[in-house]
Amino acid sequence: MNKFLLLALLLPLLSFANPNIKVDEHFFNTLNEYNSRIDTGLLNAAKQGDIQARLELARVLYSSHNEKGVLRGEALLKALAKSNKIARLHLAHQYLEGTEIVSMAEGKPKVILRNYPAAIEWFQAYLADPIRDNDALYLMAFSGMGNALIKNKHYTSAFIFYTNNVEMVKAEPNGLAAHELATLYHEGKGTAQDLEQAYYWYDIAAQKGLNIAIMERNFLKIELGI
């Protein structure tokens, strides 16, 4: 059994409900209203159902800095995500980071579509797929999932997620997952405070070159008298 499915006990079930914006022929025919830079060849390929073209088109729409264009990028990814795991991963990251648009009403940039619960659900949908066809993307999704749990203040769920998958925490190449687990131990969030465990995981993250982990490890080393 895929251990990521255990998170279904802790988090809401994912819904593949239809997006509010219907992805149909009219959808593609009106996209230039929201982003005039869309390549005609890309748009035609997307109309004909080419998955890679639709993924690229979603990326272009997200980069439009136009709220209506960004919302159509979201709708396109949601439609793709019903059957495409890469779209699920892209959608998860978009919800984790949010998208900056230029607000004409406010006269300054603002971030929309930052939604940590939605990010958690879509990362979960990606990770729960029993077929792992790209280890790098899998580790990226793993790190993103843990990060989304922490940003949404699901500290206990994040701690369970990491400690149930310690080998993946160690394998994550940038040290981010190890640093986050160290921080949970250090601050006593989601678990009892354990400075020795915090030092252990800070050290793993530091060995991967993560500067903040190096700093935290060195401070904790002095505190522990090691």
Protein backbone atom coordinates (compact mmCIF):
# COMPACT_ATOMS: atom_id res chain seq x y z
CA MET A 1 0.00 0.00 0.00
CA ASN A 2 1.31 3.44 -0.93
CA LYS A 3 2.06 5.07 2.44
CA PHE A 4 1.03 8.48 1.14
CA LEU A 5 -2.55 7.21 1.04
CA LEU A 6 -2.46 7.26 4.85
CA LEU A 7 -2.73 11.03 4.63
CA ALA A 8 -6.34 10.58 3.57
CA LEU A 9 -7.05 9.98 7.26
CA LEU A 10 -5.70 13.43 8.07
CA LEU A 11 -6.75 15.56 5.12
CA PRO A 12 -9.93 16.17 3.12
CA LEU A 13 -10.51 13.87 0.16
CA LEU A 14 -9.52 15.33 -3.18
CA SER A 15 -12.36 16.32 -5.49
CA PHE A 16 -11.95 16.39 -9.25
CA ALA A 17 -15.02 18.61 -9.61
CA ASN A 18 -15.40 20.54 -12.87
CA PRO A 19 -13.79 24.00 -12.73
CA ASN A 20 -16.03 27.05 -12.84
CA ILE A 21 -14.56 27.98 -16.22
CA LYS A 22 -15.50 25.34 -18.78
CA VAL A 23 -12.63 24.20 -21.00
CA ASP A 24 -14.27 23.87 -24.42
CA GLU A 25 -13.93 25.30 -27.94
CA HIS A 26 -15.11 28.74 -26.77
CA PHE A 27 -12.46 28.65 -24.04
CA PHE A 28 -9.64 28.29 -26.58
CA ASN A 29 -11.17 30.74 -29.07
CA THR A 30 -11.24 33.56 -26.52
CA LEU A 31 -7.83 33.10 -24.86
CA ASN A 32 -6.17 35.88 -26.84
CA GLU A 33 -8.40 38.32 -24.97
CA TYR A 34 -6.42 37.52 -21.82
CA ASN A 35 -2.94 37.03 -23.27
CA SER A 36 -2.16 38.41 -26.74
CA ARG A 37 1.28 36.73 -26.74
CA ILE A 38 -0.07 33.20 -27.17
CA ASP A 39 1.62 31.47 -30.11
CA THR A 40 -0.87 30.42 -32.80
CA GLY A 41 0.78 27.03 -33.29
CA LEU A 42 0.68 26.34 -29.55
CA LEU A 43 -2.97 27.37 -29.36
CA ASN A 44 -3.95 25.18 -32.32
CA ALA A 45 -2.13 22.17 -30.87
CA ALA A 46 -3.86 22.73 -27.52
CA LYS A 47 -7.25 22.95 -29.27
CA GLN A 48 -6.57 19.58 -30.90
CA GLY A 49 -5.96 18.00 -27.48
CA ASP A 50 -2.15 17.84 -27.38
CA ILE A 51 -1.34 17.36 -23.66
CA GLN A 52 2.11 18.96 -23.74
CA ALA A 53 0.71 21.94 -25.62
CA ARG A 54 -2.03 22.35 -23.03
CA LEU A 55 0.49 22.20 -20.19
CA GLU A 56 2.62 24.86 -21.91
CA LEU A 57 -0.46 26.95 -22.63
CA ALA A 58 -1.39 26.83 -18.93
CA ARG A 59 2.13 28.06 -18.08
CA VAL A 60 1.78 30.95 -20.54
CA LEU A 61 -1.59 31.91 -19.06
CA TYR A 62 -0.19 31.83 -15.52
CA SER A 63 2.61 34.16 -16.61
CA SER A 64 0.20 36.69 -18.11
CA HIS A 65 0.01 38.83 -14.91
CA ASN A 66 -3.66 39.20 -15.80
CA GLU A 67 -6.18 37.85 -13.31
CA LYS A 68 -8.59 36.51 -15.93
CA GLY A 69 -5.73 34.90 -17.82
CA VAL A 70 -4.35 33.30 -14.64
CA LEU A 71 -7.79 31.93 -13.75
CA ARG A 72 -8.00 30.34 -17.19
CA GLY A 73 -4.60 28.78 -16.65
CA GLU A 74 -5.94 27.32 -13.41
CA ALA A 75 -9.05 26.00 -15.19
CA LEU A 76 -6.93 24.37 -17.90
CA LEU A 77 -4.65 22.67 -15.36
CA LYS A 78 -7.67 21.44 -13.38
CA ALA A 79 -9.16 19.92 -16.52
CA LEU A 80 -5.85 18.22 -17.36
CA ALA A 81 -5.29 17.04 -13.79
CA LYS A 82 -8.25 14.67 -13.96
CA SER A 83 -6.08 12.31 -16.01
CA ASN A 84 -2.55 13.78 -16.06
CA LYS A 85 -0.26 13.55 -13.03
CA ILE A 86 2.16 16.24 -14.27
CA ALA A 87 -0.73 18.69 -14.35
CA ARG A 88 -1.48 17.74 -10.73
CA LEU A 89 2.08 18.59 -9.75
CA HIS A 90 2.03 21.91 -11.62
CA LEU A 91 -1.31 22.80 -10.04
CA ALA A 92 -0.01 21.93 -6.57
CA HIS A 93 3.01 24.20 -6.99
CA GLN A 94 0.87 27.03 -8.33
CA TYR A 95 -1.34 26.85 -5.24
CA LEU A 96 1.70 26.63 -2.96
CA GLU A 97 3.44 29.69 -4.39
CA GLY A 98 0.48 31.70 -5.65
CA THR A 99 0.69 33.84 -8.78
CA GLU A 100 1.55 37.54 -8.95
CA ILE A 101 -0.72 39.72 -11.04
CA VAL A 102 -0.87 43.43 -11.69
CA SER A 103 -3.98 44.82 -10.02
CA MET A 104 -5.26 47.83 -11.96
CA ALA A 105 -7.69 48.65 -9.15
CA GLU A 106 -5.01 48.69 -6.46
CA GLY A 107 -2.23 50.03 -8.68
CA LYS A 108 0.29 47.48 -7.44
CA PRO A 109 1.12 43.77 -7.79
CA LYS A 110 -0.75 41.24 -5.68
CA VAL A 111 -0.65 37.47 -5.28
CA ILE A 112 -3.71 35.37 -6.10
CA LEU A 113 -4.51 31.65 -5.95
CA ARG A 114 -2.21 30.95 -3.01
CA ASN A 115 -4.15 28.14 -1.38
CA TYR A 116 -2.28 25.80 0.96
CA PRO A 117 -5.13 23.29 1.53
CA ALA A 118 -5.54 22.95 -2.24
CA ALA A 119 -1.77 22.56 -2.65
CA ILE A 120 -1.81 19.77 -0.07
CA GLU A 121 -4.60 17.94 -1.87
CA TRP A 122 -2.95 18.14 -5.28
CA PHE A 123 0.48 17.10 -3.97
CA GLN A 124 -1.28 14.18 -2.29
CA ALA A 125 -2.96 13.26 -5.57
CA TYR A 126 0.42 13.20 -7.31
CA LEU A 127 2.22 11.23 -4.60
CA ALA A 128 -0.57 8.68 -4.21
CA ASP A 129 -0.17 7.53 -7.81
CA PRO A 130 1.39 4.03 -7.57
CA ILE A 131 3.47 4.59 -10.72
CA ARG A 132 6.64 6.58 -10.01
CA ASP A 133 8.03 7.46 -13.43
CA ASN A 134 10.38 10.30 -12.48
CA ASP A 135 12.31 10.26 -9.20
CA ALA A 136 13.31 13.93 -9.43
CA LEU A 137 9.70 15.07 -9.82
CA TYR A 138 8.62 12.68 -7.07
CA LEU A 139 11.12 14.19 -4.63
CA MET A 140 10.03 17.68 -5.69
CA ALA A 141 6.42 16.76 -4.93
CA PHE A 142 7.47 15.19 -1.63
CA SER A 143 9.25 18.37 -0.55
CA GLY A 144 6.36 20.53 -1.74
CA MET A 145 3.84 18.46 0.18
CA GLY A 146 5.72 18.82 3.45
CA ASN A 147 6.21 22.53 2.86
CA ALA A 148 2.50 23.03 2.19
CA LEU A 149 1.56 21.16 5.37
CA ILE A 150 3.83 23.40 7.43
CA LYS A 151 2.68 26.62 5.77
CA ASN A 152 -0.90 25.58 6.51
CA LYS A 153 0.15 24.95 10.15
CA HIS A 154 -0.63 21.22 9.98
CA TYR A 155 2.47 20.57 12.10
CA THR A 156 1.46 17.14 13.41
CA SER A 157 0.55 15.96 9.91
CA ALA A 158 3.87 17.32 8.59
CA PHE A 159 5.78 15.52 11.34
CA ILE A 160 4.00 12.23 10.60
CA PHE A 161 4.54 12.74 6.87
CA TYR A 162 8.29 13.24 7.27
CA THR A 163 8.96 10.60 9.94
CA ASN A 164 7.00 7.98 8.00
CA ASN A 165 9.28 8.67 5.03
CA VAL A 166 12.71 9.39 6.50
CA GLU A 167 14.58 7.84 3.58
CA MET A 168 12.93 10.30 1.23
CA VAL A 169 13.76 13.16 3.61
CA LYS A 170 17.40 12.09 3.36
CA ALA A 171 17.19 11.67 -0.43
CA GLU A 172 15.64 15.09 -1.15
CA PRO A 173 18.59 16.82 -2.85
CA ASN A 174 18.30 20.39 -1.55
CA GLY A 175 18.03 19.60 2.17
CA LEU A 176 14.73 21.46 2.47
CA ALA A 177 12.75 18.52 3.86
CA ALA A 178 15.49 17.70 6.37
CA HIS A 179 15.61 21.33 7.47
CA GLU A 180 11.85 21.43 7.97
CA LEU A 181 11.89 18.23 10.02
CA ALA A 182 14.75 19.66 12.09
CA THR A 183 12.73 22.82 12.69
CA LEU A 184 9.72 20.81 13.89
CA TYR A 185 11.95 19.06 16.43
CA HIS A 186 13.71 22.31 17.36
CA GLU A 187 10.51 24.28 17.96
CA GLY A 188 8.46 21.39 19.33
CA LYS A 189 5.79 21.73 16.65
CA GLY A 190 3.85 18.57 15.90
CA THR A 191 6.04 16.66 18.36
CA ALA A 192 7.85 17.09 21.65
CA GLN A 193 10.93 19.30 21.44
CA ASP A 194 14.05 17.21 20.84
CA LEU A 195 17.23 19.23 20.30
CA GLU A 196 19.39 16.20 19.55
CA GLN A 197 17.05 15.13 16.75
CA ALA A 198 16.94 18.73 15.56
CA TYR A 199 20.73 18.79 15.39
CA TYR A 200 20.76 15.45 13.51
CA TRP A 201 18.42 16.71 10.79
CA TYR A 202 19.99 20.17 10.57
CA ASP A 203 23.29 18.39 9.97
CA ILE A 204 21.81 16.32 7.13
CA ALA A 205 20.41 19.47 5.52
CA ALA A 206 23.72 21.30 6.08
CA GLN A 207 25.64 18.54 4.33
CA LYS A 208 23.52 19.23 1.25
CA GLY A 209 24.70 22.85 1.29
CA LEU A 210 21.60 24.55 2.68
CA ASN A 211 23.00 27.73 4.25
CA ILE A 212 20.24 28.30 6.79
CA ALA A 213 20.67 24.71 8.01
CA ILE A 214 24.41 25.26 8.42
CA MET A 215 23.71 28.32 10.55
CA GLU A 216 21.04 26.58 12.67
CA ARG A 217 23.24 23.53 13.16
CA ASN A 218 26.17 25.64 14.32
CA PHE A 219 24.06 27.59 16.80
CA LEU A 220 22.52 24.39 18.14
CA LYS A 221 25.95 22.79 18.40
CA ILE A 222 26.98 25.56 20.81
CA GLU A 223 23.72 25.24 22.75
CA LEU A 224 24.19 21.48 23.13
CA GLY A 225 27.86 21.82 23.99
CA ILE A 226 28.92 19.38 21.31
